[in-house]
Amino acid sequence: MYAIVDIETTGGYAENHKITEIAIYHHDGHSITDHFHTLINPGRRIPYFITGLTGITSEMVQEAPNFESVANEIHSWLKDRVFVAHNAFFDYSFIKKEFEEHDIKWTTKNYALCG
């Protein structure tokens, strides 16, 4: 039914930045049924300002998988689910861009903004 998503990134715009962490919770309309979480190595240093916001350091993601390594798994967690996130367009734009860079087609039926 629903994929409740939260990401952290190296900056504010998908065009110039990368995902550093993703969490996805499946929700059936009544309760959380499953979850997925991973740090992601963005292939670049995480700015100190971003570390201050997220608590994620370059050292923490050094041994984490890159997006390509987990892209298919992330896709399976999101496929055929309503995408739910706080500031949904932000999270959606980063994930969509990463999928496009790895030739994975993905659209969501819908996305919902949680405020």
PDB file of N, CA and C in Angstrom:
ATOM      1  N   MET A   1       0.789  -1.200   0.000  1.00  0.00           N
ATOM      2  CA  MET A   1       0.000   0.000   0.000  1.00  0.00           C
ATOM      3  C   MET A   1       0.837   1.273   0.000  1.00  0.00           C
ATOM      4  N   TYR A   2       1.547   1.517   1.117  1.00  0.00           N
ATOM      5  CA  TYR A   2       2.312   2.750   1.267  1.00  0.00           C
ATOM      6  C   TYR A   2       3.786   2.452   1.493  1.00  0.00           C
ATOM      7  N   ALA A   3       4.621   3.313   0.942  1.00  0.00           N
ATOM      8  CA  ALA A   3       6.055   3.305   1.249  1.00  0.00           C
ATOM      9  C   ALA A   3       6.354   4.654   1.883  1.00  0.00           C
ATOM     10  N   ILE A   4       6.634   4.644   3.163  1.00  0.00           N
ATOM     11  CA  ILE A   4       6.965   5.871   3.887  1.00  0.00           C
ATOM     12  C   ILE A   4       8.481   6.011   3.827  1.00  0.00           C
ATOM     13  N   VAL A   5       8.938   7.106   3.231  1.00  0.00           N
ATOM     14  CA  VAL A   5      10.347   7.247   2.864  1.00  0.00           C
ATOM     15  C   VAL A   5      10.976   8.449   3.553  1.00  0.00           C
ATOM     16  N   ASP A   6      12.229   8.284   3.946  1.00  0.00           N
ATOM     17  CA  ASP A   6      13.028   9.409   4.423  1.00  0.00           C
ATOM     18  C   ASP A   6      14.439   9.231   3.884  1.00  0.00           C
ATOM     19  N   ILE A   7      14.990  10.289   3.326  1.00  0.00           N
ATOM     20  CA  ILE A   7      16.369  10.252   2.841  1.00  0.00           C
ATOM     21  C   ILE A   7      17.163  11.385   3.470  1.00  0.00           C
ATOM     22  N   GLU A   8      18.472  11.206   3.468  1.00  0.00           N
ATOM     23  CA  GLU A   8      19.417  12.280   3.771  1.00  0.00           C
ATOM     24  C   GLU A   8      20.311  12.402   2.546  1.00  0.00           C
ATOM     25  N   THR A   9      20.836  13.598   2.318  1.00  0.00           N
ATOM     26  CA  THR A   9      21.589  13.864   1.094  1.00  0.00           C
ATOM     27  C   THR A   9      22.818  14.729   1.378  1.00  0.00           C
ATOM     28  N   THR A  10      23.628  14.908   0.338  1.00  0.00           N
ATOM     29  CA  THR A  10      24.811  15.766   0.459  1.00  0.00           C
ATOM     30  C   THR A  10      24.481  17.243   0.261  1.00  0.00           C
ATOM     31  N   GLY A  11      23.240  17.560  -0.100  1.00  0.00           N
ATOM     32  CA  GLY A  11      22.861  18.947  -0.330  1.00  0.00           C
ATOM     33  C   GLY A  11      21.400  19.060  -0.717  1.00  0.00           C
ATOM     34  N   GLY A  12      20.993  20.263  -1.095  1.00  0.00           N
ATOM     35  CA  GLY A  12      19.585  20.572  -1.265  1.00  0.00           C
ATOM     36  C   GLY A  12      18.941  20.323  -2.606  1.00  0.00           C
ATOM     37  N   TYR A  13      19.720  19.997  -3.641  1.00  0.00           N
ATOM     38  CA  TYR A  13      19.142  19.836  -4.971  1.00  0.00           C
ATOM     39  C   TYR A  13      19.630  18.553  -5.613  1.00  0.00           C
ATOM     40  N   ALA A  14      18.702  17.791  -6.172  1.00  0.00           N
ATOM     41  CA  ALA A  14      19.036  16.499  -6.778  1.00  0.00           C
ATOM     42  C   ALA A  14      20.016  16.643  -7.938  1.00  0.00           C
ATOM     43  N   GLU A  15      19.997  17.765  -8.624  1.00  0.00           N
ATOM     44  CA  GLU A  15      20.876  17.956  -9.785  1.00  0.00           C
ATOM     45  C   GLU A  15      22.353  17.887  -9.417  1.00  0.00           C
ATOM     46  N   ASN A  16      22.705  18.346  -8.235  1.00  0.00           N
ATOM     47  CA  ASN A  16      24.121  18.452  -7.870  1.00  0.00           C
ATOM     48  C   ASN A  16      24.529  17.620  -6.662  1.00  0.00           C
ATOM     49  N   HIS A  17      23.606  16.862  -6.093  1.00  0.00           N
ATOM     50  CA  HIS A  17      23.898  16.169  -4.842  1.00  0.00           C
ATOM     51  C   HIS A  17      23.446  14.722  -4.892  1.00  0.00           C
ATOM     52  N   LYS A  18      23.819  13.967  -3.866  1.00  0.00           N
ATOM     53  CA  LYS A  18      23.569  12.527  -3.822  1.00  0.00           C
ATOM     54  C   LYS A  18      22.921  12.125  -2.500  1.00  0.00           C
ATOM     55  N   ILE A  19      22.286  10.972  -2.513  1.00  0.00           N
ATOM     56  CA  ILE A  19      21.680  10.393  -1.317  1.00  0.00           C
ATOM     57  C   ILE A  19      22.772   9.781  -0.442  1.00  0.00           C
ATOM     58  N   THR A  20      22.665   9.983   0.872  1.00  0.00           N
ATOM     59  CA  THR A  20      23.609   9.384   1.822  1.00  0.00           C
ATOM     60  C   THR A  20      22.939   8.369   2.749  1.00  0.00           C
ATOM     61  N   GLU A  21      21.621   8.413   2.832  1.00  0.00           N
ATOM     62  CA  GLU A  21      20.895   7.472   3.684  1.00  0.00           C
ATOM     63  C   GLU A  21      19.465   7.372   3.182  1.00  0.00           C
ATOM     64  N   ILE A  22      18.904   6.168   3.261  1.00  0.00           N
ATOM     65  CA  ILE A  22      17.498   5.981   2.915  1.00  0.00           C
ATOM     66  C   ILE A  22      16.863   5.008   3.898  1.00  0.00           C
ATOM     67  N   ALA A  23      15.654   5.346   4.304  1.00  0.00           N
ATOM     68  CA  ALA A  23      14.835   4.459   5.130  1.00  0.00           C
ATOM     69  C   ALA A  23      13.469   4.363   4.463  1.00  0.00           C
ATOM     70  N   ILE A  24      12.948   3.147   4.366  1.00  0.00           N
ATOM     71  CA  ILE A  24      11.635   2.916   3.764  1.00  0.00           C
ATOM     72  C   ILE A  24      10.840   2.015   4.706  1.00  0.00           C
ATOM     73  N   TYR A  25       9.656   2.451   5.041  1.00  0.00           N
ATOM     74  CA  TYR A  25       8.750   1.659   5.874  1.00  0.00           C
ATOM     75  C   TYR A  25       7.527   1.300   5.049  1.00  0.00           C
ATOM     76  N   HIS A  26       7.155   0.039   5.028  1.00  0.00           N
ATOM     77  CA  HIS A  26       5.901  -0.373   4.410  1.00  0.00           C
ATOM     78  C   HIS A  26       4.798  -0.252   5.453  1.00  0.00           C
ATOM     79  N   HIS A  27       3.683   0.297   5.007  1.00  0.00           N
ATOM     80  CA  HIS A  27       2.536   0.507   5.891  1.00  0.00           C
ATOM     81  C   HIS A  27       1.300   0.010   5.159  1.00  0.00           C
ATOM     82  N   ASP A  28       0.475  -0.763   5.830  1.00  0.00           N
ATOM     83  CA  ASP A  28      -0.712  -1.337   5.190  1.00  0.00           C
ATOM     84  C   ASP A  28      -1.985  -0.522   5.424  1.00  0.00           C
ATOM     85  N   GLY A  29      -1.859   0.653   5.988  1.00  0.00           N
ATOM     86  CA  GLY A  29      -3.018   1.474   6.306  1.00  0.00           C
ATOM     87  C   GLY A  29      -3.400   1.385   7.773  1.00  0.00           C
ATOM     88  N   HIS A  30      -2.828   0.385   8.458  1.00  0.00           N
ATOM     89  CA  HIS A  30      -3.098   0.208   9.885  1.00  0.00           C
ATOM     90  C   HIS A  30      -1.818   0.244  10.710  1.00  0.00           C
ATOM     91  N   SER A  31      -0.769  -0.354  10.160  1.00  0.00           N
ATOM     92  CA  SER A  31       0.484  -0.419  10.908  1.00  0.00           C
ATOM     93  C   SER A  31       1.663  -0.657   9.969  1.00  0.00           C
ATOM     94  N   ILE A  32       2.852  -0.445  10.491  1.00  0.00           N
ATOM     95  CA  ILE A  32       4.079  -0.725   9.747  1.00  0.00           C
ATOM     96  C   ILE A  32       4.230  -2.237   9.648  1.00  0.00           C
ATOM     97  N   THR A  33       4.502  -2.711   8.428  1.00  0.00           N
ATOM     98  CA  THR A  33       4.621  -4.153   8.206  1.00  0.00           C
ATOM     99  C   THR A  33       6.049  -4.606   7.941  1.00  0.00           C
ATOM    100  N   ASP A  34       6.918  -3.692   7.530  1.00  0.00           N
ATOM    101  CA  ASP A  34       8.311  -4.052   7.238  1.00  0.00           C
ATOM    102  C   ASP A  34       9.117  -2.773   7.048  1.00  0.00           C
ATOM    103  N   HIS A  35      10.444  -2.890   7.082  1.00  0.00           N
ATOM    104  CA  HIS A  35      11.267  -1.700   6.857  1.00  0.00           C
ATOM    105  C   HIS A  35      12.623  -2.065   6.249  1.00  0.00           C
ATOM    106  N   PHE A  36      13.199  -1.068   5.592  1.00  0.00           N
ATOM    107  CA  PHE A  36      14.508  -1.171   4.953  1.00  0.00           C
ATOM    108  C   PHE A  36      15.275   0.093   5.309  1.00  0.00           C
ATOM    109  N   HIS A  37      16.573  -0.052   5.586  1.00  0.00           N
ATOM    110  CA  HIS A  37      17.401   1.108   5.900  1.00  0.00           C
ATOM    111  C   HIS A  37      18.829   0.833   5.472  1.00  0.00           C
ATOM    112  N   THR A  38      19.478   1.830   4.892  1.00  0.00           N
ATOM    113  CA  THR A  38      20.907   1.724   4.615  1.00  0.00           C
ATOM    114  C   THR A  38      21.522   3.112   4.477  1.00  0.00           C
ATOM    115  N   LEU A  39      22.767   3.211   4.898  1.00  0.00           N
ATOM    116  CA  LEU A  39      23.587   4.355   4.510  1.00  0.00           C
ATOM    117  C   LEU A  39      24.005   4.105   3.072  1.00  0.00           C
ATOM    118  N   ILE A  40      24.302   5.168   2.339  1.00  0.00           N
ATOM    119  CA  ILE A  40      24.725   5.059   0.942  1.00  0.00           C
ATOM    120  C   ILE A  40      25.976   5.906   0.748  1.00  0.00           C
ATOM    121  N   ASN A  41      26.972   5.315   0.123  1.00  0.00           N
ATOM    122  CA  ASN A  41      28.199   6.046  -0.189  1.00  0.00           C
ATOM    123  C   ASN A  41      27.927   6.921  -1.408  1.00  0.00           C
ATOM    124  N   PRO A  42      27.962   8.245  -1.240  1.00  0.00           N
ATOM    125  CA  PRO A  42      27.645   9.136  -2.354  1.00  0.00           C
ATOM    126  C   PRO A  42      28.803   9.336  -3.334  1.00  0.00           C
ATOM    127  N   GLY A  43      29.968   8.778  -3.008  1.00  0.00           N
ATOM    128  CA  GLY A  43      31.116   8.936  -3.898  1.00  0.00           C
ATOM    129  C   GLY A  43      31.767  10.300  -3.810  1.00  0.00           C
ATOM    130  N   ARG A  44      31.478  11.013  -2.752  1.00  0.00           N
ATOM    131  CA  ARG A  44      32.071  12.340  -2.522  1.00  0.00           C
ATOM    132  C   ARG A  44      32.024  12.630  -1.030  1.00  0.00           C
ATOM    133  N   ARG A  45      32.779  13.614  -0.618  1.00  0.00           N
ATOM    134  CA  ARG A  45      32.770  13.995   0.799  1.00  0.00           C
ATOM    135  C   ARG A  45      31.437  14.658   1.140  1.00  0.00           C
ATOM    136  N   ILE A  46      31.018  14.435   2.339  1.00  0.00           N
ATOM    137  CA  ILE A  46      29.803  15.079   2.829  1.00  0.00           C
ATOM    138  C   ILE A  46      30.211  16.416   3.443  1.00  0.00           C
ATOM    139  N   PRO A  47      29.617  17.521   2.983  1.00  0.00           N
ATOM    140  CA  PRO A  47      29.975  18.826   3.535  1.00  0.00           C
ATOM    141  C   PRO A  47      29.734  18.887   5.050  1.00  0.00           C
ATOM    142  N   TYR A  48      30.606  19.610   5.750  1.00  0.00           N
ATOM    143  CA  TYR A  48      30.491  19.731   7.203  1.00  0.00           C
ATOM    144  C   TYR A  48      29.132  20.279   7.620  1.00  0.00           C
ATOM    145  N   PHE A  49      28.598  21.199   6.837  1.00  0.00           N
ATOM    146  CA  PHE A  49      27.281  21.762   7.135  1.00  0.00           C
ATOM    147  C   PHE A  49      26.221  20.663   7.141  1.00  0.00           C
ATOM    148  N   ILE A  50      26.289  19.766   6.166  1.00  0.00           N
ATOM    149  CA  ILE A  50      25.322  18.667   6.074  1.00  0.00           C
ATOM    150  C   ILE A  50      25.518  17.692   7.230  1.00  0.00           C
ATOM    151  N   THR A  51      26.764  17.412   7.579  1.00  0.00           N
ATOM    152  CA  THR A  51      27.027  16.554   8.744  1.00  0.00           C
ATOM    153  C   THR A  51      26.391  17.158   9.991  1.00  0.00           C
ATOM    154  N   GLY A  52      26.462  18.482  10.120  1.00  0.00           N
ATOM    155  CA  GLY A  52      25.836  19.153  11.253  1.00  0.00           C
ATOM    156  C   GLY A  52      24.323  18.981  11.280  1.00  0.00           C
ATOM    157  N   LEU A  53      23.702  18.921  10.106  1.00  0.00           N
ATOM    158  CA  LEU A  53      22.248  18.742  10.023  1.00  0.00           C
ATOM    159  C   LEU A  53      21.824  17.299  10.241  1.00  0.00           C
ATOM    160  N   THR A  54      22.581  16.370   9.660  1.00  0.00           N
ATOM    161  CA  THR A  54      22.146  14.965   9.615  1.00  0.00           C
ATOM    162  C   THR A  54      22.867  14.052  10.591  1.00  0.00           C
ATOM    163  N   GLY A  55      24.056  14.467  11.014  1.00  0.00           N
ATOM    164  CA  GLY A  55      24.874  13.597  11.854  1.00  0.00           C
ATOM    165  C   GLY A  55      25.636  12.542  11.066  1.00  0.00           C
ATOM    166  N   ILE A  56      25.500  12.552   9.739  1.00  0.00           N
ATOM    167  CA  ILE A  56      26.174  11.560   8.894  1.00  0.00           C
ATOM    168  C   ILE A  56      27.500  12.136   8.412  1.00  0.00           C
ATOM    169  N   THR A  57      28.578  11.414   8.676  1.00  0.00           N
ATOM    170  CA  THR A  57      29.913  11.857   8.279  1.00  0.00           C
ATOM    171  C   THR A  57      30.396  11.091   7.053  1.00  0.00           C
ATOM    172  N   SER A  58      31.400  11.631   6.405  1.00  0.00           N
ATOM    173  CA  SER A  58      32.024  10.938   5.271  1.00  0.00           C
ATOM    174  C   SER A  58      32.575   9.587   5.703  1.00  0.00           C
ATOM    175  N   GLU A  59      33.103   9.520   6.914  1.00  0.00           N
ATOM    176  CA  GLU A  59      33.652   8.258   7.426  1.00  0.00           C
ATOM    177  C   GLU A  59      32.552   7.206   7.596  1.00  0.00           C
ATOM    178  N   MET A  60      31.379   7.623   7.992  1.00  0.00           N
ATOM    179  CA  MET A  60      30.272   6.680   8.197  1.00  0.00           C
ATOM    180  C   MET A  60      29.840   6.005   6.902  1.00  0.00           C
ATOM    181  N   VAL A  61      29.934   6.708   5.780  1.00  0.00           N
ATOM    182  CA  VAL A  61      29.469   6.143   4.506  1.00  0.00           C
ATOM    183  C   VAL A  61      30.595   5.534   3.681  1.00  0.00           C
ATOM    184  N   GLN A  62      31.816   5.634   4.166  1.00  0.00           N
ATOM    185  CA  GLN A  62      32.980   5.164   3.413  1.00  0.00           C
ATOM    186  C   GLN A  62      32.845   3.702   2.988  1.00  0.00           C
ATOM    187  N   GLU A  63      32.352   2.844   3.864  1.00  0.00           N
ATOM    188  CA  GLU A  63      32.207   1.416   3.560  1.00  0.00           C
ATOM    189  C   GLU A  63      30.776   1.034   3.174  1.00  0.00           C
ATOM    190  N   ALA A  64      29.893   2.017   3.083  1.00  0.00           N
ATOM    191  CA  ALA A  64      28.496   1.753   2.719  1.00  0.00           C
ATOM    192  C   ALA A  64      28.399   1.451   1.223  1.00  0.00           C
ATOM    193  N   PRO A  65      27.340   0.760   0.801  1.00  0.00           N
ATOM    194  CA  PRO A  65      27.166   0.504  -0.629  1.00  0.00           C
ATOM    195  C   PRO A  65      26.874   1.803  -1.374  1.00  0.00           C
ATOM    196  N   ASN A  66      27.230   1.860  -2.655  1.00  0.00           N
ATOM    197  CA  ASN A  66      26.812   2.996  -3.469  1.00  0.00           C
ATOM    198  C   ASN A  66      25.367   2.762  -3.912  1.00  0.00           C
ATOM    199  N   PHE A  67      24.746   3.772  -4.491  1.00  0.00           N
ATOM    200  CA  PHE A  67      23.336   3.643  -4.854  1.00  0.00           C
ATOM    201  C   PHE A  67      23.128   2.515  -5.850  1.00  0.00           C
ATOM    202  N   GLU A  68      24.016   2.403  -6.809  1.00  0.00           N
ATOM    203  CA  GLU A  68      23.871   1.362  -7.830  1.00  0.00           C
ATOM    204  C   GLU A  68      23.768  -0.029  -7.199  1.00  0.00           C
ATOM    205  N   SER A  69      24.508  -0.270  -6.135  1.00  0.00           N
ATOM    206  CA  SER A  69      24.510  -1.578  -5.468  1.00  0.00           C
ATOM    207  C   SER A  69      23.177  -1.920  -4.811  1.00  0.00           C
ATOM    208  N   VAL A  70      22.425  -0.910  -4.418  1.00  0.00           N
ATOM    209  CA  VAL A  70      21.154  -1.155  -3.728  1.00  0.00           C
ATOM    210  C   VAL A  70      19.947  -0.667  -4.529  1.00  0.00           C
ATOM    211  N   ALA A  71      20.168  -0.186  -5.739  1.00  0.00           N
ATOM    212  CA  ALA A  71      19.092   0.406  -6.540  1.00  0.00           C
ATOM    213  C   ALA A  71      17.935  -0.558  -6.780  1.00  0.00           C
ATOM    214  N   ASN A  72      18.228  -1.785  -7.159  1.00  0.00           N
ATOM    215  CA  ASN A  72      17.150  -2.739  -7.428  1.00  0.00           C
ATOM    216  C   ASN A  72      16.372  -3.080  -6.167  1.00  0.00           C
ATOM    217  N   GLU A  73      17.064  -3.178  -5.050  1.00  0.00           N
ATOM    218  CA  GLU A  73      16.385  -3.454  -3.787  1.00  0.00           C
ATOM    219  C   GLU A  73      15.483  -2.280  -3.398  1.00  0.00           C
ATOM    220  N   ILE A  74      15.994  -1.064  -3.543  1.00  0.00           N
ATOM    221  CA  ILE A  74      15.184   0.122  -3.248  1.00  0.00           C
ATOM    222  C   ILE A  74      13.970   0.158  -4.168  1.00  0.00           C
ATOM    223  N   HIS A  75      14.190  -0.127  -5.439  1.00  0.00           N
ATOM    224  CA  HIS A  75      13.083  -0.141  -6.397  1.00  0.00           C
ATOM    225  C   HIS A  75      12.000  -1.127  -5.960  1.00  0.00           C
ATOM    226  N   SER A  76      12.405  -2.314  -5.532  1.00  0.00           N
ATOM    227  CA  SER A  76      11.410  -3.311  -5.115  1.00  0.00           C
ATOM    228  C   SER A  76      10.647  -2.854  -3.867  1.00  0.00           C
ATOM    229  N   TRP A  77      11.282  -2.098  -3.003  1.00  0.00           N
ATOM    230  CA  TRP A  77      10.608  -1.572  -1.813  1.00  0.00           C
ATOM    231  C   TRP A  77       9.592  -0.481  -2.166  1.00  0.00           C
ATOM    232  N   LEU A  78       9.833   0.235  -3.267  1.00  0.00           N
ATOM    233  CA  LEU A  78       8.965   1.351  -3.649  1.00  0.00           C
ATOM    234  C   LEU A  78       7.909   0.978  -4.685  1.00  0.00           C
ATOM    235  N   LYS A  79       8.166  -0.047  -5.449  1.00  0.00           N
ATOM    236  CA  LYS A  79       7.311  -0.436  -6.576  1.00  0.00           C
ATOM    237  C   LYS A  79       5.871  -0.684  -6.120  1.00  0.00           C
ATOM    238  N   ASP A  80       4.945  -0.110  -6.878  1.00  0.00           N
ATOM    239  CA  ASP A  80       3.506  -0.303  -6.667  1.00  0.00           C
ATOM    240  C   ASP A  80       3.014   0.168  -5.301  1.00  0.00           C
ATOM    241  N   ARG A  81       3.695   1.118  -4.717  1.00  0.00           N
ATOM    242  CA  ARG A  81       3.288   1.676  -3.425  1.00  0.00           C
ATOM    243  C   ARG A  81       3.056   3.183  -3.570  1.00  0.00           C
ATOM    244  N   VAL A  82       2.201   3.713  -2.744  1.00  0.00           N
ATOM    245  CA  VAL A  82       2.036   5.163  -2.659  1.00  0.00           C
ATOM    246  C   VAL A  82       3.239   5.698  -1.888  1.00  0.00           C
ATOM    247  N   PHE A  83       3.932   6.655  -2.480  1.00  0.00           N
ATOM    248  CA  PHE A  83       5.141   7.248  -1.914  1.00  0.00           C
ATOM    249  C   PHE A  83       4.729   8.316  -0.905  1.00  0.00           C
ATOM    250  N   VAL A  84       5.122   8.139   0.346  1.00  0.00           N
ATOM    251  CA  VAL A  84       4.765   9.074   1.417  1.00  0.00           C
ATOM    252  C   VAL A  84       6.048   9.587   2.058  1.00  0.00           C
ATOM    253  N   ALA A  85       6.160  10.897   2.196  1.00  0.00           N
ATOM    254  CA  ALA A  85       7.350  11.479   2.817  1.00  0.00           C
ATOM    255  C   ALA A  85       7.043  12.894   3.272  1.00  0.00           C
ATOM    256  N   HIS A  86       7.790  13.355   4.252  1.00  0.00           N
ATOM    257  CA  HIS A  86       7.766  14.772   4.600  1.00  0.00           C
ATOM    258  C   HIS A  86       8.545  15.483   3.499  1.00  0.00           C
ATOM    259  N   ASN A  87       7.973  16.524   2.920  1.00  0.00           N
ATOM    260  CA  ASN A  87       8.582  17.196   1.775  1.00  0.00           C
ATOM    261  C   ASN A  87       8.825  16.171   0.666  1.00  0.00           C
ATOM    262  N   ALA A  88       7.759  15.492   0.264  1.00  0.00           N
ATOM    263  CA  ALA A  88       7.822  14.357  -0.659  1.00  0.00           C
ATOM    264  C   ALA A  88       8.536  14.688  -1.963  1.00  0.00           C
ATOM    265  N   PHE A  89       8.341  15.879  -2.506  1.00  0.00           N
ATOM    266  CA  PHE A  89       8.981  16.200  -3.779  1.00  0.00           C
ATOM    267  C   PHE A  89      10.501  16.139  -3.662  1.00  0.00           C
ATOM    268  N   PHE A  90      11.048  16.590  -2.554  1.00  0.00           N
ATOM    269  CA  PHE A  90      12.495  16.553  -2.333  1.00  0.00           C
ATOM    270  C   PHE A  90      13.002  15.116  -2.393  1.00  0.00           C
ATOM    271  N   ASP A  91      12.431  14.246  -1.574  1.00  0.00           N
ATOM    272  CA  ASP A  91      12.872  12.851  -1.534  1.00  0.00           C
ATOM    273  C   ASP A  91      12.644  12.176  -2.881  1.00  0.00           C
ATOM    274  N   TYR A  92      11.465  12.390  -3.449  1.00  0.00           N
ATOM    275  CA  TYR A  92      11.125  11.787  -4.741  1.00  0.00           C
ATOM    276  C   TYR A  92      12.121  12.209  -5.819  1.00  0.00           C
ATOM    277  N   SER A  93      12.475  13.496  -5.865  1.00  0.00           N
ATOM    278  CA  SER A  93      13.365  13.986  -6.926  1.00  0.00           C
ATOM    279  C   SER A  93      14.747  13.348  -6.848  1.00  0.00           C
ATOM    280  N   PHE A  94      15.259  13.142  -5.658  1.00  0.00           N
ATOM    281  CA  PHE A  94      16.570  12.500  -5.507  1.00  0.00           C
ATOM    282  C   PHE A  94      16.519  11.032  -5.927  1.00  0.00           C
ATOM    283  N   ILE A  95      15.503  10.325  -5.472  1.00  0.00           N
ATOM    284  CA  ILE A  95      15.398   8.902  -5.803  1.00  0.00           C
ATOM    285  C   ILE A  95      15.167   8.731  -7.298  1.00  0.00           C
ATOM    286  N   LYS A  96      14.295   9.530  -7.870  1.00  0.00           N
ATOM    287  CA  LYS A  96      14.014   9.472  -9.314  1.00  0.00           C
ATOM    288  C   LYS A  96      15.294   9.717 -10.110  1.00  0.00           C
ATOM    289  N   LYS A  97      16.067  10.718  -9.726  1.00  0.00           N
ATOM    290  CA  LYS A  97      17.310  11.033 -10.437  1.00  0.00           C
ATOM    291  C   LYS A  97      18.293   9.874 -10.349  1.00  0.00           C
ATOM    292  N   GLU A  98      18.449   9.298  -9.176  1.00  0.00           N
ATOM    293  CA  GLU A  98      19.365   8.158  -9.022  1.00  0.00           C
ATOM    294  C   GLU A  98      18.911   6.988  -9.887  1.00  0.00           C
ATOM    295  N   PHE A  99      17.612   6.699  -9.895  1.00  0.00           N
ATOM    296  CA  PHE A  99      17.113   5.618 -10.741  1.00  0.00           C
ATOM    297  C   PHE A  99      17.394   5.911 -12.214  1.00  0.00           C
ATOM    298  N   GLU A 100      17.151   7.124 -12.653  1.00  0.00           N
ATOM    299  CA  GLU A 100      17.406   7.491 -14.053  1.00  0.00           C
ATOM    300  C   GLU A 100      18.874   7.315 -14.409  1.00  0.00           C
ATOM    301  N   GLU A 101      19.771   7.681 -13.500  1.00  0.00           N
ATOM    302  CA  GLU A 101      21.207   7.528 -13.755  1.00  0.00           C
ATOM    303  C   GLU A 101      21.615   6.068 -13.900  1.00  0.00           C
ATOM    304  N   HIS A 102      20.794   5.155 -13.373  1.00  0.00           N
ATOM    305  CA  HIS A 102      21.098   3.724 -13.440  1.00  0.00           C
ATOM    306  C   HIS A 102      20.104   2.976 -14.326  1.00  0.00           C
ATOM    307  N   ASP A 103      19.428   3.728 -15.213  1.00  0.00           N
ATOM    308  CA  ASP A 103      18.497   3.159 -16.194  1.00  0.00           C
ATOM    309  C   ASP A 103      17.400   2.299 -15.575  1.00  0.00           C
ATOM    310  N   ILE A 104      16.897   2.727 -14.439  1.00  0.00           N
ATOM    311  CA  ILE A 104      15.780   2.042 -13.796  1.00  0.00           C
ATOM    312  C   ILE A 104      14.553   2.929 -13.944  1.00  0.00           C
ATOM    313  N   LYS A 105      13.519   2.391 -14.573  1.00  0.00           N
ATOM    314  CA  LYS A 105      12.292   3.156 -14.760  1.00  0.00           C
ATOM    315  C   LYS A 105      11.438   3.030 -13.510  1.00  0.00           C
ATOM    316  N   TRP A 106      11.007   4.180 -13.009  1.00  0.00           N
ATOM    317  CA  TRP A 106      10.169   4.184 -11.821  1.00  0.00           C
ATOM    318  C   TRP A 106       9.277   5.406 -11.817  1.00  0.00           C
ATOM    319  N   THR A 107       8.035   5.151 -11.591  1.00  0.00           N
ATOM    320  CA  THR A 107       7.090   6.215 -11.286  1.00  0.00           C
ATOM    321  C   THR A 107       6.252   5.703 -10.130  1.00  0.00           C
ATOM    322  N   THR A 108       5.692   6.595  -9.410  1.00  0.00           N
ATOM    323  CA  THR A 108       4.830   6.196  -8.310  1.00  0.00           C
ATOM    324  C   THR A 108       3.399   6.522  -8.687  1.00  0.00           C
ATOM    325  N   LYS A 109       2.477   5.723  -8.206  1.00  0.00           N
ATOM    326  CA  LYS A 109       1.062   5.971  -8.477  1.00  0.00           C
ATOM    327  C   LYS A 109       0.688   7.368  -8.002  1.00  0.00           C
ATOM    328  N   ASN A 110       1.286   7.750  -6.931  1.00  0.00           N
ATOM    329  CA  ASN A 110       0.898   8.917  -6.188  1.00  0.00           C
ATOM    330  C   ASN A 110       2.008   9.273  -5.237  1.00  0.00           C
ATOM    331  N   TYR A 111       2.072  10.468  -4.797  1.00  0.00           N
ATOM    332  CA  TYR A 111       2.881  10.711  -3.612  1.00  0.00           C
ATOM    333  C   TYR A 111       2.159  11.675  -2.703  1.00  0.00           C
ATOM    334  N   ALA A 112       2.395  11.502  -1.431  1.00  0.00           N
ATOM    335  CA  ALA A 112       1.693  12.272  -0.418  1.00  0.00           C
ATOM    336  C   ALA A 112       2.697  13.080   0.382  1.00  0.00           C
ATOM    337  N   LEU A 113       2.357  14.313   0.633  1.00  0.00           N
ATOM    338  CA  LEU A 113       3.205  15.191   1.438  1.00  0.00           C
ATOM    339  C   LEU A 113       2.751  15.133   2.883  1.00  0.00           C
ATOM    340  N   CYS A 114       3.667  14.789   3.738  1.00  0.00           N
ATOM    341  CA  CYS A 114       3.380  14.851   5.175  1.00  0.00           C
ATOM    342  C   CYS A 114       3.997  16.133   5.699  1.00  0.00           C
ATOM    343  N   GLY A 115       3.254  16.912   6.409  1.00  0.00           N
ATOM    344  CA  GLY A 115       3.762  18.185   6.868  1.00  0.00           C
ATOM    345  C   GLY A 115       4.081  18.251   8.308  1.00  0.00           C
TER     346      GLY A 115
END
